[in-house]
């Protein structure tokens, strides 16, 4: 195959207070014309810095490409992008090489319409009039399957859903018919159903235009759906690369085995998820030492039998429910007349009823906008209900006084989706965890509370010295652990986990899910676990509630709903999960070869 790009011995470094950090360390690989390469690894592995180096978007200072070549082949011959002057590089950037970033909301300018932003890219690189650019933009919006392209042309980013914003970004990237598209985690925070349509769209566009793609992700399941070849990165280096079938069928490096194993499996129930630390560790010199070579053997050691699952469910349902939700409605006014009278509502939660048993994890699953989060917040009285009732340990929460509700809140906690925005950046993490203890007057004084906070930090696998650090000094996974420690500070009986792992690497996600399961065993917690990812909900939950448009589609034991879904909507959610099975990969490879 014809080579499009050759990356040779690439080194990218950053100056920090602690010295030079080598983010990309002697990396070499090729991309052929029309090929899709998947680059996988955890946060900090060097995936995004590699792609930004190809685009020459490394901020200098503090970063710099300090070694290697990036050879770009086109009809005019070969050129080293590293050696190009910035002015000349701009001709390639956006025109021949385009990029879709992870977070479309921060990539789109909030003060310009979506149409203007795509037109700007066309006018910059192509000789055409404004009218022609507008027509091309409309055609692109149709190509990326945006509903009502004329409306979206005049819409601002905040008026679109996450999936629609990502399609606008794809349209912008495709506007100049690039030879290489770099997609940096473009589906990480999207629903599995939206993710599936975006992946199919990108595959279709690649086939139609003959474009090459670098697809960056931490999820090997997603790579299995889209990539021809896979590059696995760890700490700035490539530890393994091969065809998608080679990597999935016979992974060689323990890090690759760990990434493959830590995704929640669909066909079996496990007591815990394998993590990368089960497969490897580093010695004093930083060399990787393999701990477990047999991936299947390790996974099989965690299997829970259907009989054990049924016995646990029977024992849970024999108890009196800790939470009873009856005919719950949460409606928001959507249309008013000139006198302020409400004419119509958005029925975010509509006539919802269910029980939760002590020690149970009840999973709430559905797409964005189905009412999961509103339901969780209504139960905790963070959002006012329109009608219905919620009883917790026999108490009618909606009839409690403020003082009674404050006391009850000690037993009911929530872990939010975004750990960064739910922690005060001006408070040290120790004080953030201590704050609810001070409000509810738990323990006699701050010295005792500090000792308790240190104990909680260690419970969630953090260290005592982290007490005086600020949230920005931690990774996403560590911040989520801090939020879990804060939720535990009041010794609650019931915790709502609202999309608490959706933005995490699959490896970190596995650690946090294992932590939540361990804490449930140790402290006999009851959870409502909210997620759009049915595979995660199935792993965590005893029973599952599937929500759609504010209503319950179906409810029952988690394994039963997955194995025998009764409703087309549930089947759609299951079909959208990236399986990453060898059978699916072989079928896709065979279809491509034919």
Protein backbone atom coordinates (compact mmCIF):
# COMPACT_ATOMS: atom_id res chain seq x y z
CA UNK A 1 0.00 0.00 0.00
CA UNK A 2 1.08 3.60 -0.62
CA UNK A 3 2.39 5.35 2.46
CA UNK A 4 0.75 8.65 3.41
CA UNK A 5 2.73 9.45 6.55
CA UNK A 6 5.91 8.04 8.06
CA UNK A 7 6.59 8.94 11.68
CA UNK A 8 10.28 8.27 12.38
CA UNK A 9 11.85 8.30 15.87
CA UNK A 10 9.56 11.12 17.05
CA UNK A 11 10.46 12.75 20.39
CA UNK A 12 8.29 15.46 21.98
CA UNK A 13 9.29 16.97 25.31
CA UNK A 14 7.86 19.48 27.80
CA UNK A 15 9.70 21.69 30.28
CA UNK A 16 8.16 21.49 33.76
CA UNK A 17 9.13 22.66 37.26
CA UNK A 18 10.41 19.13 37.91
CA UNK A 19 12.55 19.05 34.77
CA UNK A 20 12.10 17.75 31.22
CA UNK A 21 9.18 15.34 30.61
CA UNK A 22 9.40 13.18 27.48
CA UNK A 23 5.75 12.76 26.44
CA UNK A 24 6.54 10.99 23.13
CA UNK A 25 9.66 8.84 23.29
CA UNK A 26 11.24 7.56 20.04
CA UNK A 27 7.93 6.69 18.34
CA UNK A 28 7.90 5.27 14.79
CA UNK A 29 4.95 4.08 12.65
CA UNK A 30 3.45 4.42 9.15
CA UNK A 31 -0.04 5.28 7.93
CA UNK A 32 -1.03 4.01 4.50
CA UNK A 33 -3.48 5.72 2.17
CA UNK A 34 -7.09 4.83 3.02
CA UNK A 35 -6.08 3.04 6.24
CA UNK A 36 -7.52 3.53 9.74
CA UNK A 37 -5.01 3.26 12.59
CA UNK A 38 -6.18 3.00 16.20
CA UNK A 39 -3.83 4.44 18.85
CA UNK A 40 -4.76 3.19 22.33
CA UNK A 41 -3.46 3.69 25.86
CA UNK A 42 -4.40 5.31 29.14
CA UNK A 43 -4.38 9.06 29.82
CA UNK A 44 -0.76 10.21 29.84
CA UNK A 45 0.41 7.47 27.47
CA UNK A 46 1.32 10.01 24.76
CA UNK A 47 -1.55 9.35 22.29
CA UNK A 48 -2.82 12.92 22.01
CA UNK A 49 0.68 14.47 22.09
CA UNK A 50 1.64 12.20 19.15
CA UNK A 51 -1.34 13.48 17.14
CA UNK A 52 -0.69 17.13 18.12
CA UNK A 53 2.94 16.64 17.04
CA UNK A 54 1.77 15.47 13.58
CA UNK A 55 -0.40 18.63 13.38
CA UNK A 56 2.51 20.74 14.74
CA UNK A 57 0.17 22.07 17.45
CA UNK A 58 2.51 21.55 20.43
CA UNK A 59 2.54 24.82 22.43
CA UNK A 60 6.10 26.19 22.52
CA UNK A 61 6.90 26.89 25.36
CA UNK A 62 6.62 24.58 27.28
CA UNK A 63 6.59 21.83 24.62
CA UNK A 64 8.79 21.09 21.63
CA UNK A 65 9.44 18.38 19.06
CA UNK A 66 13.07 17.67 19.86
CA UNK A 67 13.79 14.76 17.53
CA UNK A 68 12.59 12.67 14.62
CA UNK A 69 10.77 13.24 11.34
CA UNK A 70 7.14 13.26 10.17
CA UNK A 71 7.30 12.58 6.40
CA UNK A 72 4.09 13.48 4.52
CA UNK A 73 3.66 12.00 1.02
CA UNK A 74 1.45 13.69 -1.56
CA UNK A 75 1.30 14.13 -5.34
CA UNK A 76 4.16 16.68 -5.13
CA UNK A 77 6.52 14.27 -3.34
CA UNK A 78 7.62 13.89 0.29
CA UNK A 79 7.98 16.68 2.85
CA UNK A 80 9.16 16.62 6.50
CA UNK A 81 6.44 18.42 8.50
CA UNK A 82 8.82 18.91 11.47
CA UNK A 83 11.20 21.00 9.34
CA UNK A 84 8.50 23.19 7.72
CA UNK A 85 8.23 26.91 8.65
CA UNK A 86 4.97 27.68 10.51
CA UNK A 87 3.52 29.67 7.56
CA UNK A 88 4.03 26.71 5.20
CA UNK A 89 2.67 24.25 7.81
CA UNK A 90 -0.64 26.18 7.84
CA UNK A 91 -1.22 25.12 4.23
CA UNK A 92 -1.18 21.46 5.33
CA UNK A 93 -3.03 21.95 8.62
CA UNK A 94 -6.80 21.85 8.05
CA UNK A 95 -6.32 21.33 4.33
CA UNK A 96 -4.40 18.02 4.02
CA UNK A 97 -4.45 17.01 7.71
CA UNK A 98 -7.56 17.73 9.82
CA UNK A 99 -8.34 16.97 13.45
CA UNK A 100 -11.45 16.32 15.54
CA UNK A 101 -10.89 17.05 19.22
CA UNK A 102 -12.29 15.16 22.20
CA UNK A 103 -14.63 17.85 23.56
CA UNK A 104 -16.71 19.49 20.80
CA UNK A 105 -18.13 22.15 23.15
CA UNK A 106 -14.70 23.62 23.87
CA UNK A 107 -13.59 23.19 20.23
CA UNK A 108 -16.51 25.22 18.83
CA UNK A 109 -16.67 28.99 19.37
CA UNK A 110 -19.82 29.75 21.43
CA UNK A 111 -20.35 33.23 19.87
CA UNK A 112 -20.47 32.09 16.22
CA UNK A 113 -23.11 29.95 14.51
CA UNK A 114 -22.11 26.41 13.51
CA UNK A 115 -22.53 27.36 9.84
CA UNK A 116 -20.18 30.36 10.13
CA UNK A 117 -17.48 28.22 11.76
CA UNK A 118 -17.50 25.58 9.01
CA UNK A 119 -17.69 28.28 6.30
CA UNK A 120 -14.64 29.99 7.83
CA UNK A 121 -12.56 26.82 7.30
CA UNK A 122 -13.75 26.54 3.67
CA UNK A 123 -13.07 30.22 2.88
CA UNK A 124 -9.60 29.98 4.45
CA UNK A 125 -8.40 27.06 2.31
CA UNK A 126 -10.53 27.20 -0.87
CA UNK A 127 -11.06 29.90 -3.46
CA UNK A 128 -14.82 30.36 -3.40
CA UNK A 129 -17.52 32.95 -2.65
CA UNK A 130 -19.50 33.15 0.60
CA UNK A 131 -22.59 31.73 -1.19
CA UNK A 132 -20.59 28.74 -2.46
CA UNK A 133 -19.11 28.18 1.04
CA UNK A 134 -22.64 28.23 2.54
CA UNK A 135 -23.84 25.68 -0.03
CA UNK A 136 -20.80 23.44 0.65
CA UNK A 137 -21.50 23.69 4.41
CA UNK A 138 -25.12 22.61 3.90
CA UNK A 139 -23.95 19.67 1.77
CA UNK A 140 -21.46 18.68 4.51
CA UNK A 141 -24.18 18.86 7.20
CA UNK A 142 -26.31 16.51 5.08
CA UNK A 143 -23.32 14.21 4.55
CA UNK A 144 -22.72 13.88 8.31
CA UNK A 145 -26.46 13.15 8.74
CA UNK A 146 -27.38 16.20 10.81
CA UNK A 147 -31.16 16.65 11.13
CA UNK A 148 -32.54 19.87 9.56
CA UNK A 149 -29.20 21.18 8.20
CA UNK A 150 -30.71 24.62 7.41
CA UNK A 151 -31.61 25.09 11.09
CA UNK A 152 -28.20 23.90 12.33
CA UNK A 153 -26.49 26.27 9.88
CA UNK A 154 -27.95 29.17 11.91
CA UNK A 155 -27.73 27.47 15.35
CA UNK A 156 -25.14 28.15 18.05
CA UNK A 157 -23.20 25.27 19.67
CA UNK A 158 -25.19 25.43 22.95
CA UNK A 159 -28.41 24.72 21.00
CA UNK A 160 -27.17 21.28 19.87
CA UNK A 161 -26.77 17.93 21.62
CA UNK A 162 -23.31 16.39 22.20
CA UNK A 163 -23.68 14.04 19.23
CA UNK A 164 -24.81 16.87 16.93
CA UNK A 165 -21.86 19.07 18.00
CA UNK A 166 -19.50 16.20 17.23
CA UNK A 167 -21.05 15.88 13.74
CA UNK A 168 -20.47 19.62 13.16
CA UNK A 169 -16.80 19.06 14.11
CA UNK A 170 -16.58 16.15 11.64
CA UNK A 171 -18.16 18.36 8.92
CA UNK A 172 -15.57 21.06 9.66
CA UNK A 173 -12.72 18.53 9.52
CA UNK A 174 -14.05 17.10 6.21
CA UNK A 175 -14.63 20.54 4.64
CA UNK A 176 -11.34 20.57 2.72
CA UNK A 177 -11.29 16.84 1.81
CA UNK A 178 -8.24 16.05 3.99
CA UNK A 179 -5.96 13.16 3.17
CA UNK A 180 -5.57 12.39 6.89
CA UNK A 181 -8.18 12.82 9.63
CA UNK A 182 -7.01 12.62 13.26
CA UNK A 183 -9.89 11.85 15.64
CA UNK A 184 -8.83 12.35 19.29
CA UNK A 185 -11.27 10.50 21.59
CA UNK A 186 -14.24 11.76 19.50
CA UNK A 187 -16.81 9.45 21.16
CA UNK A 188 -15.61 9.22 24.80
CA UNK A 189 -18.44 11.11 26.52
CA UNK A 190 -21.21 10.12 24.08
CA UNK A 191 -24.03 7.62 24.57
CA UNK A 192 -23.23 4.17 23.16
CA UNK A 193 -25.99 4.60 20.53
CA UNK A 194 -24.64 8.01 19.42
CA UNK A 195 -21.10 6.60 19.52
CA UNK A 196 -22.14 3.79 17.17
CA UNK A 197 -23.63 6.20 14.62
CA UNK A 198 -20.51 8.45 14.77
CA UNK A 199 -18.22 5.42 14.20
CA UNK A 200 -20.36 4.23 11.27
CA UNK A 201 -20.36 7.76 9.84
CA UNK A 202 -16.55 8.03 10.05
CA UNK A 203 -16.11 4.59 8.45
CA UNK A 204 -18.49 5.56 5.64
CA UNK A 205 -16.73 8.89 4.98
CA UNK A 206 -13.33 7.18 4.98
CA UNK A 207 -14.53 4.58 2.45
CA UNK A 208 -16.20 7.22 0.27
CA UNK A 209 -13.25 9.65 0.13
CA UNK A 210 -10.26 7.28 0.49
CA UNK A 211 -9.11 9.29 3.50
CA UNK A 212 -6.70 7.85 6.09
CA UNK A 213 -7.70 8.08 9.77
CA UNK A 214 -5.86 8.04 13.08
CA UNK A 215 -8.43 7.14 15.73
CA UNK A 216 -7.24 7.82 19.28
CA UNK A 217 -9.06 6.18 22.20
CA UNK A 218 -8.51 4.41 25.52
CA UNK A 219 -11.15 1.79 24.67
CA UNK A 220 -10.00 -1.23 22.69
CA UNK A 221 -13.67 -2.18 22.14
CA UNK A 222 -14.13 0.96 20.03
CA UNK A 223 -10.90 0.25 18.12
CA UNK A 224 -12.23 -3.21 17.22
CA UNK A 225 -15.18 -1.53 15.45
CA UNK A 226 -13.15 0.83 13.26
CA UNK A 227 -9.39 0.17 12.97
CA UNK A 228 -7.31 -1.82 10.45
CA UNK A 229 -4.18 -1.69 12.59
CA UNK A 230 -3.64 -0.92 16.28
CA UNK A 231 -0.78 0.88 18.06
CA UNK A 232 -0.62 0.46 21.86
CA UNK A 233 1.19 3.26 23.75
CA UNK A 234 2.44 3.26 27.34
CA UNK A 235 4.38 6.11 28.97
CA UNK A 236 5.24 7.74 25.65
CA UNK A 237 6.49 4.58 23.92
CA UNK A 238 4.88 2.09 21.53
CA UNK A 239 4.79 -1.24 23.36
CA UNK A 240 2.94 -3.21 20.68
CA UNK A 241 1.49 -2.78 17.19
CA UNK A 242 -0.20 -5.07 14.69
CA UNK A 243 -3.43 -5.72 12.80
CA UNK A 244 -6.61 -5.47 14.84
CA UNK A 245 -6.98 -9.28 14.63
CA UNK A 246 -3.40 -9.90 15.86
CA UNK A 247 -3.85 -7.57 18.85
CA UNK A 248 -7.18 -9.05 19.93
CA UNK A 249 -6.41 -12.68 19.13
CA UNK A 250 -2.88 -12.87 20.51
CA UNK A 251 -1.76 -9.81 22.54
CA UNK A 252 1.95 -10.02 23.43
CA UNK A 253 2.59 -7.20 25.90
CA UNK A 254 1.13 -7.43 29.46
CA UNK A 255 -0.12 -3.82 29.15
CA UNK A 256 -2.19 -4.75 26.07
CA UNK A 257 -3.57 -7.78 27.92
CA UNK A 258 -4.56 -5.52 30.82
CA UNK A 259 -6.35 -3.03 28.52
CA UNK A 260 -8.27 -5.86 26.85
CA UNK A 261 -9.19 -7.59 30.11
CA UNK A 262 -10.44 -4.58 32.07
CA UNK A 263 -13.49 -3.90 29.86
CA UNK A 264 -16.68 -5.23 31.52
CA UNK A 265 -17.50 -8.51 29.72
CA UNK A 266 -21.02 -9.04 28.41
CA UNK A 267 -21.37 -12.81 28.24
CA UNK A 268 -20.43 -13.54 31.87
CA UNK A 269 -20.73 -12.03 35.36
CA UNK A 270 -17.54 -11.27 37.31
CA UNK A 271 -17.06 -10.53 41.01
CA UNK A 272 -14.44 -7.90 40.04
CA UNK A 273 -12.75 -6.64 36.89
CA UNK A 274 -9.12 -7.46 36.07
CA UNK A 275 -6.90 -4.35 36.11
CA UNK A 276 -3.52 -3.59 34.52
CA UNK A 277 -1.79 -4.15 37.90
CA UNK A 278 -2.89 -7.82 37.69
CA UNK A 279 -0.79 -8.26 34.54
CA UNK A 280 2.31 -6.13 35.13
CA UNK A 281 4.34 -3.98 37.49
CA UNK A 282 7.45 -1.86 37.12
CA UNK A 283 10.74 -2.65 38.84
CA UNK A 284 13.00 -0.02 40.48
CA UNK A 285 14.53 0.85 37.06
CA UNK A 286 11.11 1.39 35.43
CA UNK A 287 11.22 -1.89 33.46
CA UNK A 288 7.94 -3.76 32.96
CA UNK A 289 7.67 -7.10 34.79
CA UNK A 290 4.91 -9.48 33.63
CA UNK A 291 2.83 -10.92 36.48
CA UNK A 292 0.12 -12.90 34.68
CA UNK A 293 0.43 -14.14 31.10
CA UNK A 294 -2.85 -16.07 30.77
CA UNK A 295 -5.64 -13.52 30.31
CA UNK A 296 -8.47 -16.07 30.11
CA UNK A 297 -7.33 -17.88 33.27
CA UNK A 298 -7.38 -14.64 35.28
CA UNK A 299 -10.82 -13.58 34.01
CA UNK A 300 -12.25 -17.06 34.67
CA UNK A 301 -11.03 -16.89 38.30
CA UNK A 302 -13.46 -13.96 38.89
CA UNK A 303 -16.55 -15.62 37.35
CA UNK A 304 -19.79 -15.62 39.38
CA UNK A 305 -22.16 -18.50 38.53
CA UNK A 306 -25.84 -17.90 37.61
CA UNK A 307 -26.78 -19.84 40.77
CA UNK A 308 -24.74 -17.47 42.97
CA UNK A 309 -26.35 -14.47 41.22
CA UNK A 310 -29.86 -15.88 41.72
CA UNK A 311 -29.18 -16.64 45.42
CA UNK A 312 -27.92 -13.08 46.02
CA UNK A 313 -30.98 -11.57 44.34
CA UNK A 314 -33.32 -13.82 46.35
CA UNK A 315 -31.63 -12.78 49.62
CA UNK A 316 -31.89 -9.07 48.69
CA UNK A 317 -35.57 -9.24 47.74
CA UNK A 318 -36.41 -11.00 51.02
CA UNK A 319 -35.64 -7.74 52.88
CA UNK A 320 -37.86 -4.68 53.32
CA UNK A 321 -37.02 -2.08 50.60
CA UNK A 322 -34.83 0.80 51.81
CA UNK A 323 -36.24 3.07 49.07
CA UNK A 324 -39.77 3.11 47.61
CA UNK A 325 -40.48 5.36 44.62
CA UNK A 326 -44.16 5.62 43.64
CA UNK A 327 -45.73 7.39 40.60
CA UNK A 328 -42.93 9.96 40.54
CA UNK A 329 -43.28 12.86 38.10
CA UNK A 330 -40.80 15.67 37.47
CA UNK A 331 -42.06 18.03 34.79
CA UNK A 332 -40.50 21.27 33.58
CA UNK A 333 -42.47 24.08 31.86
CA UNK A 334 -41.56 24.23 28.15
CA UNK A 335 -44.15 26.67 26.80
CA UNK A 336 -45.95 29.62 28.38
CA UNK A 337 -48.48 32.13 27.07
CA UNK A 338 -48.05 35.92 27.30
CA UNK A 339 -49.57 35.91 30.81
CA UNK A 340 -47.04 33.34 32.08
CA UNK A 341 -49.51 30.43 32.17
CA UNK A 342 -47.79 27.11 31.43
CA UNK A 343 -49.16 25.54 28.24
CA UNK A 344 -46.84 22.55 27.90
CA UNK A 345 -44.26 20.54 29.88
CA UNK A 346 -41.14 18.49 29.31
CA UNK A 347 -41.91 15.28 31.19
CA UNK A 348 -38.34 14.48 32.33
CA UNK A 349 -39.60 11.82 34.79
CA UNK A 350 -43.06 10.47 34.06
CA UNK A 351 -44.96 8.11 36.38
CA UNK A 352 -41.91 6.16 37.60
CA UNK A 353 -42.22 3.51 40.35
CA UNK A 354 -39.66 1.02 41.74
CA UNK A 355 -38.11 -0.34 44.98
CA UNK A 356 -34.47 -0.60 46.03
CA UNK A 357 -33.42 -3.22 48.59
CA UNK A 358 -30.73 -2.81 51.30
CA UNK A 359 -27.27 -3.77 49.95
CA UNK A 360 -28.51 -3.81 46.34
CA UNK A 361 -27.11 -1.99 43.33
CA UNK A 362 -29.95 -0.89 41.07
CA UNK A 363 -28.75 0.19 37.62
CA UNK A 364 -30.45 3.04 35.74
CA UNK A 365 -29.58 2.96 32.04
CA UNK A 366 -30.67 4.94 28.99
CA UNK A 367 -29.54 7.56 26.49
CA UNK A 368 -28.90 11.22 27.33
CA UNK A 369 -32.20 12.98 27.94
CA UNK A 370 -34.04 9.83 29.09
CA UNK A 371 -34.49 11.21 32.62
CA UNK A 372 -31.90 9.16 34.57
CA UNK A 373 -30.09 12.08 36.20
CA UNK A 374 -33.31 14.03 36.89
CA UNK A 375 -34.75 10.93 38.58
CA UNK A 376 -31.64 10.56 40.79
CA UNK A 377 -31.71 14.22 41.78
CA UNK A 378 -35.47 14.19 42.43
CA UNK A 379 -35.04 11.26 44.83
CA UNK A 380 -32.49 13.34 46.79
CA UNK A 381 -34.72 16.47 46.61
CA UNK A 382 -32.06 18.33 44.63
CA UNK A 383 -34.78 18.84 42.00
CA UNK A 384 -38.41 19.47 43.02
CA UNK A 385 -40.87 16.70 42.09
CA UNK A 386 -44.18 17.60 40.40
CA UNK A 387 -46.04 14.73 42.07
CA UNK A 388 -45.57 11.23 43.48
CA UNK A 389 -43.73 10.01 46.57
CA UNK A 390 -40.28 8.80 47.67
CA UNK A 391 -39.99 6.87 50.96
CA UNK A 392 -36.52 6.25 52.43
CA UNK A 393 -36.43 3.88 55.43
CA UNK A 394 -40.16 4.51 55.87
CA UNK A 395 -39.87 8.34 55.85
CA UNK A 396 -41.78 10.30 53.20
CA UNK A 397 -38.97 12.58 51.96
CA UNK A 398 -41.32 15.07 50.29
CA UNK A 399 -43.10 15.80 53.58
CA UNK A 400 -39.98 16.26 55.73
CA UNK A 401 -39.09 19.69 57.13
CA UNK A 402 -35.75 21.27 56.12
CA UNK A 403 -34.21 20.29 59.49
CA UNK A 404 -35.44 16.68 59.17
CA UNK A 405 -34.21 16.50 55.54
CA UNK A 406 -30.78 17.84 56.56
CA UNK A 407 -30.50 15.03 59.10
CA UNK A 408 -31.65 12.44 56.51
CA UNK A 409 -29.03 13.68 54.01
CA UNK A 410 -26.32 12.10 56.19
CA UNK A 411 -27.66 8.74 55.02
CA UNK A 412 -28.12 9.71 51.35
CA UNK A 413 -25.20 10.84 49.18
CA UNK A 414 -24.42 11.39 45.49
CA UNK A 415 -21.26 11.02 43.37
CA UNK A 416 -21.52 13.35 40.37
CA UNK A 417 -20.41 12.71 36.78
CA UNK A 418 -17.69 15.36 36.55
CA UNK A 419 -15.31 15.18 39.52
CA UNK A 420 -13.57 18.42 38.57
CA UNK A 421 -16.65 20.65 38.63
CA UNK A 422 -17.99 18.99 41.81
CA UNK A 423 -14.82 19.84 43.80
CA UNK A 424 -14.09 23.42 44.90
CA UNK A 425 -10.76 24.36 43.21
CA UNK A 426 -9.90 26.65 46.17
CA UNK A 427 -10.24 23.92 48.80
CA UNK A 428 -7.61 21.28 49.41
CA UNK A 429 -9.03 17.81 48.91
CA UNK A 430 -8.69 17.13 52.65
CA UNK A 431 -10.87 20.14 53.48
CA UNK A 432 -13.35 19.21 50.72
CA UNK A 433 -13.84 15.77 52.31
CA UNK A 434 -13.95 17.27 55.82
CA UNK A 435 -16.54 19.94 54.95
CA UNK A 436 -19.68 17.73 55.10
CA UNK A 437 -18.42 16.33 58.45
CA UNK A 438 -18.20 19.90 59.82
CA UNK A 439 -21.67 20.81 58.49
CA UNK A 440 -23.26 17.74 60.09
CA UNK A 441 -21.06 17.96 63.23
CA UNK A 442 -19.65 14.47 62.80
CA UNK A 443 -16.93 13.76 65.43
CA UNK A 444 -15.85 16.11 68.22
CA UNK A 445 -13.25 18.35 66.53
CA UNK A 446 -11.23 18.97 63.36
CA UNK A 447 -8.28 16.90 64.58
CA UNK A 448 -10.50 13.80 64.79
CA UNK A 449 -12.08 14.70 61.45
CA UNK A 450 -8.66 15.01 59.82
CA UNK A 451 -7.74 11.54 61.06
CA UNK A 452 -11.02 10.24 59.59
CA UNK A 453 -10.33 11.99 56.25
CA UNK A 454 -6.86 10.37 56.05
CA UNK A 455 -8.50 7.00 56.74
CA UNK A 456 -11.02 7.67 53.93
CA UNK A 457 -8.26 8.69 51.49
CA UNK A 458 -6.49 5.40 52.20
CA UNK A 459 -9.81 3.52 51.82
CA UNK A 460 -10.06 4.81 48.23
CA UNK A 461 -6.39 3.95 47.50
CA UNK A 462 -4.99 7.48 47.90
CA UNK A 463 -2.30 8.61 50.37
CA UNK A 464 -2.28 10.66 53.59
CA UNK A 465 0.01 13.27 51.99
CA UNK A 466 -2.71 14.03 49.42
CA UNK A 467 -4.69 15.82 52.17
CA UNK A 468 -3.10 19.22 51.45
CA UNK A 469 -3.16 19.06 47.66
CA UNK A 470 -5.67 20.82 45.38
CA UNK A 471 -8.01 19.13 42.84
CA UNK A 472 -6.00 20.32 39.79
CA UNK A 473 -3.00 18.29 41.05
CA UNK A 474 -4.84 14.99 40.48
CA UNK A 475 -5.81 12.91 37.44
CA UNK A 476 -9.48 12.35 36.54
CA UNK A 477 -9.52 8.91 38.16
CA UNK A 478 -7.94 10.24 41.36
CA UNK A 479 -10.44 13.12 41.51
CA UNK A 480 -13.29 10.63 41.21
CA UNK A 481 -11.81 8.68 44.16
CA UNK A 482 -11.74 11.95 46.17
CA UNK A 483 -15.46 12.45 45.38
CA UNK A 484 -16.15 8.88 46.53
CA UNK A 485 -14.23 9.57 49.78
CA UNK A 486 -16.32 12.73 50.31
CA UNK A 487 -19.54 10.75 49.76
CA UNK A 488 -18.35 8.23 52.40
CA UNK A 489 -17.49 10.94 54.97
CA UNK A 490 -20.93 10.84 56.64
CA UNK A 491 -21.19 7.00 56.71
CA UNK A 492 -24.21 6.98 54.35
CA UNK A 493 -26.47 3.99 53.79
CA UNK A 494 -27.50 4.93 50.25
CA UNK A 495 -25.40 6.45 47.40
CA UNK A 496 -26.45 7.57 43.91
CA UNK A 497 -23.58 7.23 41.40
CA UNK A 498 -24.50 9.56 38.51
CA UNK A 499 -22.39 8.65 35.44
CA UNK A 500 -19.48 8.48 37.88
CA UNK A 501 -17.14 6.55 35.51
CA UNK A 502 -18.28 7.70 32.05
CA UNK A 503 -15.34 10.07 31.39
CA UNK A 504 -12.62 7.75 32.75
CA UNK A 505 -10.14 5.52 30.92
CA UNK A 506 -11.34 1.91 30.80
CA UNK A 507 -8.41 0.90 33.04
CA UNK A 508 -9.21 3.60 35.64
CA UNK A 509 -12.93 2.85 35.24
CA UNK A 510 -12.23 -0.79 36.18
CA UNK A 511 -10.37 0.34 39.35
CA UNK A 512 -13.23 2.69 40.40
CA UNK A 513 -15.91 0.04 39.73
CA UNK A 514 -13.92 -2.51 41.77
CA UNK A 515 -13.60 0.07 44.56
CA UNK A 516 -17.38 0.70 44.61
CA UNK A 517 -18.04 -3.07 44.80
CA UNK A 518 -15.48 -3.51 47.61
CA UNK A 519 -17.02 -0.62 49.58
CA UNK A 520 -20.50 -2.11 49.12
CA UNK A 521 -19.24 -5.36 50.67
CA UNK A 522 -17.39 -3.63 53.52
CA UNK A 523 -20.04 -1.08 54.50
CA UNK A 524 -23.23 -2.73 53.16
CA UNK A 525 -24.05 0.27 50.96
CA UNK A 526 -27.07 0.50 48.70
CA UNK A 527 -26.42 2.07 45.28
CA UNK A 528 -28.41 3.50 42.41
CA UNK A 529 -25.88 3.34 39.57
CA UNK A 530 -26.69 5.65 36.64
CA UNK A 531 -24.96 5.24 33.26
CA UNK A 532 -25.59 5.32 29.50
CA UNK A 533 -23.26 2.31 29.10
CA UNK A 534 -25.26 -0.89 29.48
CA UNK A 535 -22.11 -3.06 29.79
CA UNK A 536 -20.98 -1.08 32.88
CA UNK A 537 -24.49 -1.12 34.39
CA UNK A 538 -24.78 -4.87 33.80
CA UNK A 539 -21.46 -5.50 35.57
CA UNK A 540 -22.36 -3.34 38.58
CA UNK A 541 -26.06 -4.07 39.06
CA UNK A 542 -28.20 -6.73 40.64
CA UNK A 543 -31.29 -5.38 38.90
CA UNK A 544 -31.60 -2.93 36.03
CA UNK A 545 -34.10 -0.23 35.07
CA UNK A 546 -34.08 0.83 31.40
CA UNK A 547 -35.39 4.39 30.92
CA UNK A 548 -36.57 6.11 27.74
CA UNK A 549 -38.20 9.55 27.41
CA UNK A 550 -38.81 9.83 31.16
CA UNK A 551 -40.52 6.45 31.52
CA UNK A 552 -39.44 2.94 32.48
CA UNK A 553 -39.14 0.72 29.40
CA UNK A 554 -38.35 -2.44 31.35
CA UNK A 555 -37.02 -3.56 34.71
CA UNK A 556 -35.65 -6.82 36.09
CA UNK A 557 -32.48 -8.81 36.95
CA UNK A 558 -29.52 -7.32 35.05
CA UNK A 559 -28.42 -10.58 33.36
CA UNK A 560 -31.99 -11.39 32.34
CA UNK A 561 -32.50 -8.00 30.66
CA UNK A 562 -29.23 -8.35 28.76
CA UNK A 563 -29.81 -11.98 27.71
CA UNK A 564 -33.51 -11.59 26.92
CA UNK A 565 -34.53 -7.95 26.31
CA UNK A 566 -38.27 -7.49 25.92
CA UNK A 567 -38.31 -4.05 24.28
CA UNK A 568 -36.78 -2.85 20.96
CA UNK A 569 -35.23 0.15 22.77
CA UNK A 570 -33.29 -2.14 25.14
CA UNK A 571 -32.16 -4.24 22.17
CA UNK A 572 -30.93 -1.03 20.46
CA UNK A 573 -28.82 -0.16 23.55
CA UNK A 574 -27.34 -3.68 23.63
CA UNK A 575 -26.57 -3.68 19.89
CA UNK A 576 -24.72 -0.36 20.22
CA UNK A 577 -22.18 -1.65 22.80
CA UNK A 578 -18.72 -2.11 21.19
CA UNK A 579 -18.27 -5.87 21.68
CA UNK A 580 -14.68 -6.29 20.50
CA UNK A 581 -15.30 -10.02 20.01
CA UNK A 582 -13.03 -12.03 17.70
CA UNK A 583 -16.05 -13.19 15.64
CA UNK A 584 -17.11 -9.58 14.96
CA UNK A 585 -13.54 -8.54 14.07
CA UNK A 586 -13.09 -11.53 11.71
CA UNK A 587 -16.41 -10.75 10.01
CA UNK A 588 -15.44 -7.07 9.54
CA UNK A 589 -11.96 -7.95 8.21
CA UNK A 590 -13.47 -10.52 5.81
CA UNK A 591 -16.02 -7.95 4.56
CA UNK A 592 -13.22 -5.41 3.92
CA UNK A 593 -11.12 -7.97 2.04
CA UNK A 594 -14.06 -8.89 -0.19
